[in-house]
Every structure is written in structure tokens, then in C-alpha cells.
All heavy atoms as atom14 arrays in JSON, in Angstrom:
{
  "sequence": "SGGGLVEPGGSLRLSCVASEFSSEPHAIGWFRQAPGKEREA",
  "atom14_mask": [
    [1, 1, 1, 1, 1, 1, 0, 0, 0, 0, 0, 0, 0, 0],
    [1, 1, 1, 1, 0, 0, 0, 0, 0, 0, 0, 0, 0, 0],
    [1, 1, 1, 1, 0, 0, 0, 0, 0, 0, 0, 0, 0, 0],
    [1, 1, 1, 1, 0, 0, 0, 0, 0, 0, 0, 0, 0, 0],
    [1, 1, 1, 1, 1, 1, 1, 1, 0, 0, 0, 0, 0, 0],
    [1, 1, 1, 1, 1, 1, 1, 0, 0, 0, 0, 0, 0, 0],
    [1, 1, 1, 1, 1, 1, 1, 1, 1, 0, 0, 0, 0, 0],
    [1, 1, 1, 1, 1, 1, 1, 0, 0, 0, 0, 0, 0, 0],
    [1, 1, 1, 1, 0, 0, 0, 0, 0, 0, 0, 0, 0, 0],
    [1, 1, 1, 1, 0, 0, 0, 0, 0, 0, 0, 0, 0, 0],
    [1, 1, 1, 1, 1, 1, 0, 0, 0, 0, 0, 0, 0, 0],
    [1, 1, 1, 1, 1, 1, 1, 1, 0, 0, 0, 0, 0, 0],
    [1, 1, 1, 1, 1, 1, 1, 1, 1, 1, 1, 0, 0, 0],
    [1, 1, 1, 1, 1, 1, 1, 1, 0, 0, 0, 0, 0, 0],
    [1, 1, 1, 1, 1, 1, 0, 0, 0, 0, 0, 0, 0, 0],
    [1, 1, 1, 1, 1, 1, 0, 0, 0, 0, 0, 0, 0, 0],
    [1, 1, 1, 1, 1, 1, 1, 0, 0, 0, 0, 0, 0, 0],
    [1, 1, 1, 1, 1, 0, 0, 0, 0, 0, 0, 0, 0, 0],
    [1, 1, 1, 1, 1, 1, 0, 0, 0, 0, 0, 0, 0, 0],
    [1, 1, 1, 1, 1, 1, 1, 1, 1, 0, 0, 0, 0, 0],
    [1, 1, 1, 1, 1, 1, 1, 1, 1, 1, 1, 0, 0, 0],
    [1, 1, 1, 1, 1, 1, 0, 0, 0, 0, 0, 0, 0, 0],
    [1, 1, 1, 1, 1, 1, 0, 0, 0, 0, 0, 0, 0, 0],
    [1, 1, 1, 1, 1, 1, 1, 1, 1, 0, 0, 0, 0, 0],
    [1, 1, 1, 1, 1, 1, 1, 0, 0, 0, 0, 0, 0, 0],
    [1, 1, 1, 1, 1, 1, 1, 1, 1, 1, 0, 0, 0, 0],
    [1, 1, 1, 1, 1, 0, 0, 0, 0, 0, 0, 0, 0, 0],
    [1, 1, 1, 1, 1, 1, 1, 1, 0, 0, 0, 0, 0, 0],
    [1, 1, 1, 1, 0, 0, 0, 0, 0, 0, 0, 0, 0, 0],
    [1, 1, 1, 1, 1, 1, 1, 1, 1, 1, 1, 1, 1, 1],
    [1, 1, 1, 1, 1, 1, 1, 1, 1, 1, 1, 0, 0, 0],
    [1, 1, 1, 1, 1, 1, 1, 1, 1, 1, 1, 0, 0, 0],
    [1, 1, 1, 1, 1, 1, 1, 1, 1, 0, 0, 0, 0, 0],
    [1, 1, 1, 1, 1, 0, 0, 0, 0, 0, 0, 0, 0, 0],
    [1, 1, 1, 1, 1, 1, 1, 0, 0, 0, 0, 0, 0, 0],
    [1, 1, 1, 1, 0, 0, 0, 0, 0, 0, 0, 0, 0, 0],
    [1, 1, 1, 1, 1, 1, 1, 1, 1, 0, 0, 0, 0, 0],
    [1, 1, 1, 1, 1, 1, 1, 1, 1, 0, 0, 0, 0, 0],
    [1, 1, 1, 1, 1, 1, 1, 1, 1, 1, 1, 0, 0, 0],
    [1, 1, 1, 1, 1, 1, 1, 1, 1, 0, 0, 0, 0, 0],
    [1, 1, 1, 1, 1, 0, 0, 0, 0, 0, 0, 0, 0, 0]
  ],
  "atom14_positions": [
    [[8.18, 12.2, -0.55], [8.52, 13.45, -1.24], [7.47, 14.5, -0.9], [6.42, 14.16, -0.35], [8.61, 13.25, -2.75], [7.34, 12.85, -3.27], [0.0, 0.0, 0.0], [0.0, 0.0, 0.0], [0.0, 0.0, 0.0], [0.0, 0.0, 0.0], [0.0, 0.0, 0.0], [0.0, 0.0, 0.0], [0.0, 0.0, 0.0], [0.0, 0.0, 0.0]],
    [[7.77, 15.75, -1.24], [6.81, 16.81, -1.07], [7.07, 17.74, 0.09], [6.34, 18.72, 0.29], [0.0, 0.0, 0.0], [0.0, 0.0, 0.0], [0.0, 0.0, 0.0], [0.0, 0.0, 0.0], [0.0, 0.0, 0.0], [0.0, 0.0, 0.0], [0.0, 0.0, 0.0], [0.0, 0.0, 0.0], [0.0, 0.0, 0.0], [0.0, 0.0, 0.0]],
    [[8.1, 17.47, 0.88], [8.4, 18.34, 1.99], [8.94, 19.69, 1.52], [9.21, 19.91, 0.34], [0.0, 0.0, 0.0], [0.0, 0.0, 0.0], [0.0, 0.0, 0.0], [0.0, 0.0, 0.0], [0.0, 0.0, 0.0], [0.0, 0.0, 0.0], [0.0, 0.0, 0.0], [0.0, 0.0, 0.0], [0.0, 0.0, 0.0], [0.0, 0.0, 0.0]],
    [[9.06, 20.6, 2.48], [9.59, 21.92, 2.15], [9.36, 22.9, 3.27], [8.98, 22.52, 4.39], [0.0, 0.0, 0.0], [0.0, 0.0, 0.0], [0.0, 0.0, 0.0], [0.0, 0.0, 0.0], [0.0, 0.0, 0.0], [0.0, 0.0, 0.0], [0.0, 0.0, 0.0], [0.0, 0.0, 0.0], [0.0, 0.0, 0.0], [0.0, 0.0, 0.0]],
    [[9.57, 24.17, 2.94], [9.37, 25.26, 3.89], [8.03, 25.93, 3.61], [7.76, 26.29, 2.46], [10.52, 26.28, 3.76], [10.39, 27.57, 4.57], [10.4, 27.28, 6.06], [11.51, 28.53, 4.19], [0.0, 0.0, 0.0], [0.0, 0.0, 0.0], [0.0, 0.0, 0.0], [0.0, 0.0, 0.0], [0.0, 0.0, 0.0], [0.0, 0.0, 0.0]],
    [[7.24, 26.11, 4.64], [5.93, 26.73, 4.46], [5.66, 27.63, 5.66], [6.14, 27.37, 6.76], [4.85, 25.64, 4.32], [4.73, 24.79, 5.56], [3.51, 26.24, 3.94], [0.0, 0.0, 0.0], [0.0, 0.0, 0.0], [0.0, 0.0, 0.0], [0.0, 0.0, 0.0], [0.0, 0.0, 0.0], [0.0, 0.0, 0.0], [0.0, 0.0, 0.0]],
    [[4.89, 28.68, 5.43], [4.54, 29.59, 6.51], [3.4, 29.01, 7.35], [2.62, 28.2, 6.87], [4.13, 30.94, 5.95], [5.25, 31.69, 5.28], [4.85, 33.09, 4.83], [3.65, 33.38, 4.84], [5.76, 33.88, 4.48], [0.0, 0.0, 0.0], [0.0, 0.0, 0.0], [0.0, 0.0, 0.0], [0.0, 0.0, 0.0], [0.0, 0.0, 0.0]],
    [[3.31, 29.42, 8.6], [2.19, 28.98, 9.43], [0.86, 29.27, 8.75], [0.66, 30.33, 8.16], [2.34, 29.8, 10.71], [3.83, 30.07, 10.78], [4.26, 30.27, 9.35], [0.0, 0.0, 0.0], [0.0, 0.0, 0.0], [0.0, 0.0, 0.0], [0.0, 0.0, 0.0], [0.0, 0.0, 0.0], [0.0, 0.0, 0.0], [0.0, 0.0, 0.0]],
    [[-0.04, 28.3, 8.83], [-1.33, 28.4, 8.15], [-1.32, 27.87, 6.75], [-2.39, 27.71, 6.12], [0.0, 0.0, 0.0], [0.0, 0.0, 0.0], [0.0, 0.0, 0.0], [0.0, 0.0, 0.0], [0.0, 0.0, 0.0], [0.0, 0.0, 0.0], [0.0, 0.0, 0.0], [0.0, 0.0, 0.0], [0.0, 0.0, 0.0], [0.0, 0.0, 0.0]],
    [[-0.16, 27.56, 6.22], [-0.04, 27.06, 4.87], [-0.32, 25.56, 4.76], [-0.68, 24.9, 5.75], [0.0, 0.0, 0.0], [0.0, 0.0, 0.0], [0.0, 0.0, 0.0], [0.0, 0.0, 0.0], [0.0, 0.0, 0.0], [0.0, 0.0, 0.0], [0.0, 0.0, 0.0], [0.0, 0.0, 0.0], [0.0, 0.0, 0.0], [0.0, 0.0, 0.0]],
    [[-0.14, 25.04, 3.55], [-0.44, 23.64, 3.27], [0.7, 22.99, 2.51], [1.46, 23.65, 1.78], [-1.72, 23.52, 2.43], [-2.84, 24.03, 3.1], [0.0, 0.0, 0.0], [0.0, 0.0, 0.0], [0.0, 0.0, 0.0], [0.0, 0.0, 0.0], [0.0, 0.0, 0.0], [0.0, 0.0, 0.0], [0.0, 0.0, 0.0], [0.0, 0.0, 0.0]],
    [[0.81, 21.68, 2.67], [1.73, 20.86, 1.9], [1.06, 19.52, 1.65], [0.23, 19.08, 2.46], [3.04, 20.62, 2.65], [4.11, 21.71, 2.68], [5.25, 21.26, 3.57], [4.62, 22.01, 1.28], [0.0, 0.0, 0.0], [0.0, 0.0, 0.0], [0.0, 0.0, 0.0], [0.0, 0.0, 0.0], [0.0, 0.0, 0.0], [0.0, 0.0, 0.0]],
    [[1.46, 18.87, 0.56], [1.02, 17.5, 0.32], [2.25, 16.62, 0.16], [3.06, 16.85, -0.74], [0.13, 17.39, -0.91], [-0.51, 15.99, -1.03], [-1.45, 15.84, -2.19], [-0.75, 15.62, -3.45], [-1.3, 15.07, -4.51], [-2.57, 14.66, -4.47], [-0.6, 14.92, -5.64], [0.0, 0.0, 0.0], [0.0, 0.0, 0.0], [0.0, 0.0, 0.0]],
    [[2.34, 15.65, 1.03], [3.43, 14.67, 0.95], [2.95, 13.43, 0.21], [1.77, 13.09, 0.25], [3.91, 14.28, 2.35], [4.31, 15.4, 3.31], [4.84, 14.81, 4.6], [5.3, 16.35, 2.67], [0.0, 0.0, 0.0], [0.0, 0.0, 0.0], [0.0, 0.0, 0.0], [0.0, 0.0, 0.0], [0.0, 0.0, 0.0], [0.0, 0.0, 0.0]],
    [[3.89, 12.77, -0.43], [3.6, 11.52, -1.11], [4.52, 10.42, -0.57], [5.66, 10.68, -0.23], [3.8, 11.65, -2.62], [2.92, 12.6, -3.17], [0.0, 0.0, 0.0], [0.0, 0.0, 0.0], [0.0, 0.0, 0.0], [0.0, 0.0, 0.0], [0.0, 0.0, 0.0], [0.0, 0.0, 0.0], [0.0, 0.0, 0.0], [0.0, 0.0, 0.0]],
    [[4.01, 9.24, -0.57], [4.8, 8.04, -0.2], [4.56, 7.01, -1.29], [3.44, 6.53, -1.44], [4.35, 7.5, 1.16], [5.08, 5.91, 1.61], [0.0, 0.0, 0.0], [0.0, 0.0, 0.0], [0.0, 0.0, 0.0], [0.0, 0.0, 0.0], [0.0, 0.0, 0.0], [0.0, 0.0, 0.0], [0.0, 0.0, 0.0], [0.0, 0.0, 0.0]],
    [[5.62, 6.75, -2.06], [5.51, 5.8, -3.16], [6.16, 4.49, -2.74], [7.31, 4.47, -2.28], [6.18, 6.34, -4.43], [6.08, 5.32, -5.55], [5.55, 7.66, -4.85], [0.0, 0.0, 0.0], [0.0, 0.0, 0.0], [0.0, 0.0, 0.0], [0.0, 0.0, 0.0], [0.0, 0.0, 0.0], [0.0, 0.0, 0.0], [0.0, 0.0, 0.0]],
    [[5.42, 3.42, -2.89], [5.93, 2.09, -2.57], [6.47, 1.42, -3.84], [5.9, 1.58, -4.91], [4.83, 1.23, -1.97], [0.0, 0.0, 0.0], [0.0, 0.0, 0.0], [0.0, 0.0, 0.0], [0.0, 0.0, 0.0], [0.0, 0.0, 0.0], [0.0, 0.0, 0.0], [0.0, 0.0, 0.0], [0.0, 0.0, 0.0], [0.0, 0.0, 0.0]],
    [[7.57, 0.7, -3.65], [8.16, 0.03, -4.81], [7.22, -0.98, -5.42], [7.14, -1.15, -6.63], [9.47, -0.65, -4.42], [9.23, -1.59, -3.38], [0.0, 0.0, 0.0], [0.0, 0.0, 0.0], [0.0, 0.0, 0.0], [0.0, 0.0, 0.0], [0.0, 0.0, 0.0], [0.0, 0.0, 0.0], [0.0, 0.0, 0.0], [0.0, 0.0, 0.0]],
    [[6.49, -1.63, -4.55], [5.56, -2.64, -5.04], [4.63, -3.06, -3.92], [5.09, -3.36, -2.82], [6.34, -3.89, -5.54], [5.45, -5.02, -6.0], [6.23, -6.24, -6.41], [7.47, -6.17, -6.44], [5.62, -7.28, -6.69], [0.0, 0.0, 0.0], [0.0, 0.0, 0.0], [0.0, 0.0, 0.0], [0.0, 0.0, 0.0], [0.0, 0.0, 0.0]],
    [[3.39, -3.07, -4.19], [2.44, -3.67, -3.27], [2.14, -5.08, -3.78], [2.13, -5.31, -4.97], [1.15, -2.87, -3.18], [1.25, -1.6, -2.37], [0.7, -0.43, -2.81], [1.9, -1.6, -1.16], [0.78, 0.74, -2.07], [1.99, -0.44, -0.4], [1.43, 0.72, -0.87], [0.0, 0.0, 0.0], [0.0, 0.0, 0.0], [0.0, 0.0, 0.0]],
    [[1.91, -5.98, -2.88], [1.51, -7.32, -3.27], [0.08, -7.25, -3.79], [-0.48, -6.17, -3.96], [1.61, -8.26, -2.08], [0.69, -7.86, -1.09], [0.0, 0.0, 0.0], [0.0, 0.0, 0.0], [0.0, 0.0, 0.0], [0.0, 0.0, 0.0], [0.0, 0.0, 0.0], [0.0, 0.0, 0.0], [0.0, 0.0, 0.0], [0.0, 0.0, 0.0]],
    [[-0.5, -8.36, -4.04], [-1.88, -8.36, -4.52], [-2.81, -7.67, -3.53], [-3.86, -7.17, -3.91], [-2.33, -9.8, -4.76], [-2.23, -10.56, -3.58], [0.0, 0.0, 0.0], [0.0, 0.0, 0.0], [0.0, 0.0, 0.0], [0.0, 0.0, 0.0], [0.0, 0.0, 0.0], [0.0, 0.0, 0.0], [0.0, 0.0, 0.0], [0.0, 0.0, 0.0]],
    [[-2.37, -7.62, -2.27], [-3.12, -6.89, -1.24], [-2.22, -5.78, -0.7], [-1.19, -6.07, -0.1], [-3.55, -7.82, -0.12], [-4.46, -7.18, 0.9], [-4.96, -8.18, 1.92], [-4.77, -9.39, 1.71], [-5.52, -7.76, 2.94], [0.0, 0.0, 0.0], [0.0, 0.0, 0.0], [0.0, 0.0, 0.0], [0.0, 0.0, 0.0], [0.0, 0.0, 0.0]],
    [[-2.57, -4.53, -0.91], [-1.69, -3.44, -0.48], [-1.47, -3.4, 1.02], [-2.33, -3.78, 1.81], [-2.43, -2.19, -0.96], [-3.32, -2.68, -2.05], [-3.74, -4.05, -1.64], [0.0, 0.0, 0.0], [0.0, 0.0, 0.0], [0.0, 0.0, 0.0], [0.0, 0.0, 0.0], [0.0, 0.0, 0.0], [0.0, 0.0, 0.0], [0.0, 0.0, 0.0]],
    [[-0.31, -2.88, 1.42], [0.02, -2.76, 2.82], [-0.63, -1.53, 3.43], [-0.81, -0.51, 2.76], [1.54, -2.6, 3.0], [2.31, -3.83, 2.68], [3.08, -4.47, 3.63], [2.47, -4.52, 1.55], [3.66, -5.52, 3.08], [3.31, -5.58, 1.81], [0.0, 0.0, 0.0], [0.0, 0.0, 0.0], [0.0, 0.0, 0.0], [0.0, 0.0, 0.0]],
    [[-0.96, -1.61, 4.72], [-1.29, -0.4, 5.46], [-0.05, 0.5, 5.51], [1.08, 0.01, 5.47], [-1.72, -0.77, 6.87], [0.0, 0.0, 0.0], [0.0, 0.0, 0.0], [0.0, 0.0, 0.0], [0.0, 0.0, 0.0], [0.0, 0.0, 0.0], [0.0, 0.0, 0.0], [0.0, 0.0, 0.0], [0.0, 0.0, 0.0], [0.0, 0.0, 0.0]],
    [[-0.3, 1.78, 5.55], [0.81, 2.75, 5.61], [0.58, 3.69, 6.8], [-0.5, 4.24, 6.96], [0.9, 3.57, 4.32], [1.26, 2.69, 3.12], [1.91, 4.71, 4.49], [2.67, 2.12, 3.16], [0.0, 0.0, 0.0], [0.0, 0.0, 0.0], [0.0, 0.0, 0.0], [0.0, 0.0, 0.0], [0.0, 0.0, 0.0], [0.0, 0.0, 0.0]],
    [[1.62, 3.85, 7.58], [1.6, 4.82, 8.66], [2.5, 5.99, 8.34], [3.5, 5.85, 7.65], [0.0, 0.0, 0.0], [0.0, 0.0, 0.0], [0.0, 0.0, 0.0], [0.0, 0.0, 0.0], [0.0, 0.0, 0.0], [0.0, 0.0, 0.0], [0.0, 0.0, 0.0], [0.0, 0.0, 0.0], [0.0, 0.0, 0.0], [0.0, 0.0, 0.0]],
    [[2.12, 7.17, 8.82], [2.96, 8.35, 8.72], [3.43, 8.72, 10.12], [2.62, 8.75, 11.07], [2.21, 9.52, 8.1], [2.1, 9.48, 6.62], [1.06, 8.98, 5.88], [3.05, 9.97, 5.68], [1.33, 9.15, 4.54], [2.53, 9.74, 4.39], [4.31, 10.59, 5.79], [3.22, 10.09, 3.21], [4.98, 10.94, 4.62], [4.44, 10.69, 3.36]],
    [[4.71, 9.03, 10.21], [5.33, 9.44, 11.46], [6.08, 10.73, 11.22], [6.4, 11.08, 10.09], [6.31, 8.36, 11.94], [5.67, 7.06, 12.37], [5.17, 6.18, 11.44], [5.56, 6.75, 13.71], [4.58, 4.99, 11.83], [4.99, 5.56, 14.12], [4.5, 4.68, 13.17], [0.0, 0.0, 0.0], [0.0, 0.0, 0.0], [0.0, 0.0, 0.0]],
    [[6.41, 11.41, 12.3], [7.28, 12.57, 12.19], [8.2, 12.6, 13.41], [7.88, 12.08, 14.46], [6.47, 13.86, 12.09], [5.67, 14.22, 13.34], [4.81, 15.41, 13.08], [4.01, 15.77, 14.24], [3.02, 16.65, 14.22], [2.71, 17.27, 13.06], [2.34, 16.93, 15.31], [0.0, 0.0, 0.0], [0.0, 0.0, 0.0], [0.0, 0.0, 0.0]],
    [[9.34, 13.26, 13.19], [10.31, 13.38, 14.26], [10.9, 14.78, 14.25], [11.51, 15.19, 13.27], [11.42, 12.34, 14.11], [12.35, 12.25, 15.29], [13.18, 10.99, 15.29], [13.33, 10.32, 14.27], [13.72, 10.63, 16.44], [0.0, 0.0, 0.0], [0.0, 0.0, 0.0], [0.0, 0.0, 0.0], [0.0, 0.0, 0.0], [0.0, 0.0, 0.0]],
    [[10.68, 15.47, 15.36], [11.24, 16.8, 15.52], [12.62, 16.66, 16.18], [12.91, 15.67, 16.85], [10.33, 17.66, 16.39], [0.0, 0.0, 0.0], [0.0, 0.0, 0.0], [0.0, 0.0, 0.0], [0.0, 0.0, 0.0], [0.0, 0.0, 0.0], [0.0, 0.0, 0.0], [0.0, 0.0, 0.0], [0.0, 0.0, 0.0], [0.0, 0.0, 0.0]],
    [[13.49, 17.65, 15.98], [14.82, 17.59, 16.59], [14.75, 17.38, 18.1], [14.02, 18.08, 18.8], [15.43, 18.96, 16.25], [14.7, 19.38, 15.03], [13.31, 18.85, 15.17], [0.0, 0.0, 0.0], [0.0, 0.0, 0.0], [0.0, 0.0, 0.0], [0.0, 0.0, 0.0], [0.0, 0.0, 0.0], [0.0, 0.0, 0.0], [0.0, 0.0, 0.0]],
    [[15.5, 16.38, 18.57], [15.56, 16.13, 20.0], [14.36, 15.41, 20.57], [14.27, 15.23, 21.79], [0.0, 0.0, 0.0], [0.0, 0.0, 0.0], [0.0, 0.0, 0.0], [0.0, 0.0, 0.0], [0.0, 0.0, 0.0], [0.0, 0.0, 0.0], [0.0, 0.0, 0.0], [0.0, 0.0, 0.0], [0.0, 0.0, 0.0], [0.0, 0.0, 0.0]],
    [[13.43, 15.0, 19.71], [12.22, 14.32, 20.18], [12.1, 12.93, 19.59], [12.74, 12.62, 18.59], [10.98, 15.15, 19.86], [10.92, 16.48, 20.58], [9.59, 17.16, 20.37], [9.5, 18.45, 21.16], [8.17, 19.12, 20.97], [0.0, 0.0, 0.0], [0.0, 0.0, 0.0], [0.0, 0.0, 0.0], [0.0, 0.0, 0.0], [0.0, 0.0, 0.0]],
    [[11.28, 12.12, 20.2], [11.04, 10.78, 19.69], [10.15, 10.83, 18.46], [9.4, 11.78, 18.25], [10.38, 9.91, 20.77], [11.27, 9.63, 21.96], [10.64, 8.64, 22.92], [9.49, 8.26, 22.72], [11.33, 8.23, 23.88], [0.0, 0.0, 0.0], [0.0, 0.0, 0.0], [0.0, 0.0, 0.0], [0.0, 0.0, 0.0], [0.0, 0.0, 0.0]],
    [[10.24, 9.77, 17.68], [9.39, 9.67, 16.5], [7.94, 9.51, 16.94], [7.62, 8.68, 17.8], [9.84, 8.49, 15.66], [9.28, 8.48, 14.26], [10.02, 7.51, 13.38], [11.43, 7.91, 13.18], [12.25, 7.34, 12.31], [11.81, 6.35, 11.54], [13.48, 7.75, 12.19], [0.0, 0.0, 0.0], [0.0, 0.0, 0.0], [0.0, 0.0, 0.0]],
    [[7.06, 10.29, 16.32], [5.66, 10.36, 16.71], [4.77, 9.88, 15.58], [4.9, 10.33, 14.44], [5.31, 11.82, 17.05], [3.85, 12.1, 17.27], [3.53, 13.6, 17.25], [4.34, 14.39, 16.75], [2.44, 13.97, 17.74], [0.0, 0.0, 0.0], [0.0, 0.0, 0.0], [0.0, 0.0, 0.0], [0.0, 0.0, 0.0], [0.0, 0.0, 0.0]],
    [[3.84, 8.98, 15.91], [2.88, 8.53, 14.9], [1.8, 9.58, 14.72], [1.29, 10.12, 15.7], [2.25, 7.22, 15.33], [0.0, 0.0, 0.0], [0.0, 0.0, 0.0], [0.0, 0.0, 0.0], [0.0, 0.0, 0.0], [0.0, 0.0, 0.0], [0.0, 0.0, 0.0], [0.0, 0.0, 0.0], [0.0, 0.0, 0.0], [0.0, 0.0, 0.0]]
  ]
}
């Protein structure tokens, strides 16, 4: 969550909520995908 429209130079904070972490939390990666492009880490 947290996406939206922002002007160049602006800021946003995204959140990723996991349903449940085990006793040891998982590593989390963030990726993005622009139209017509491959998903980028």
C-alpha cells in the first residue's frame, strides 16, 4: 500500500504487510515494473 501520484522531487512511503512471519521473519525484496519493461529489483 501507499502508492499514488507524486510530482518529481516528491516523496512516498510504501508499506508491505505480511500475513504472518514465522518465528524467524522472512527477507523482503522490493521490485518495480514499468510498462513494457521487465520487473526490476
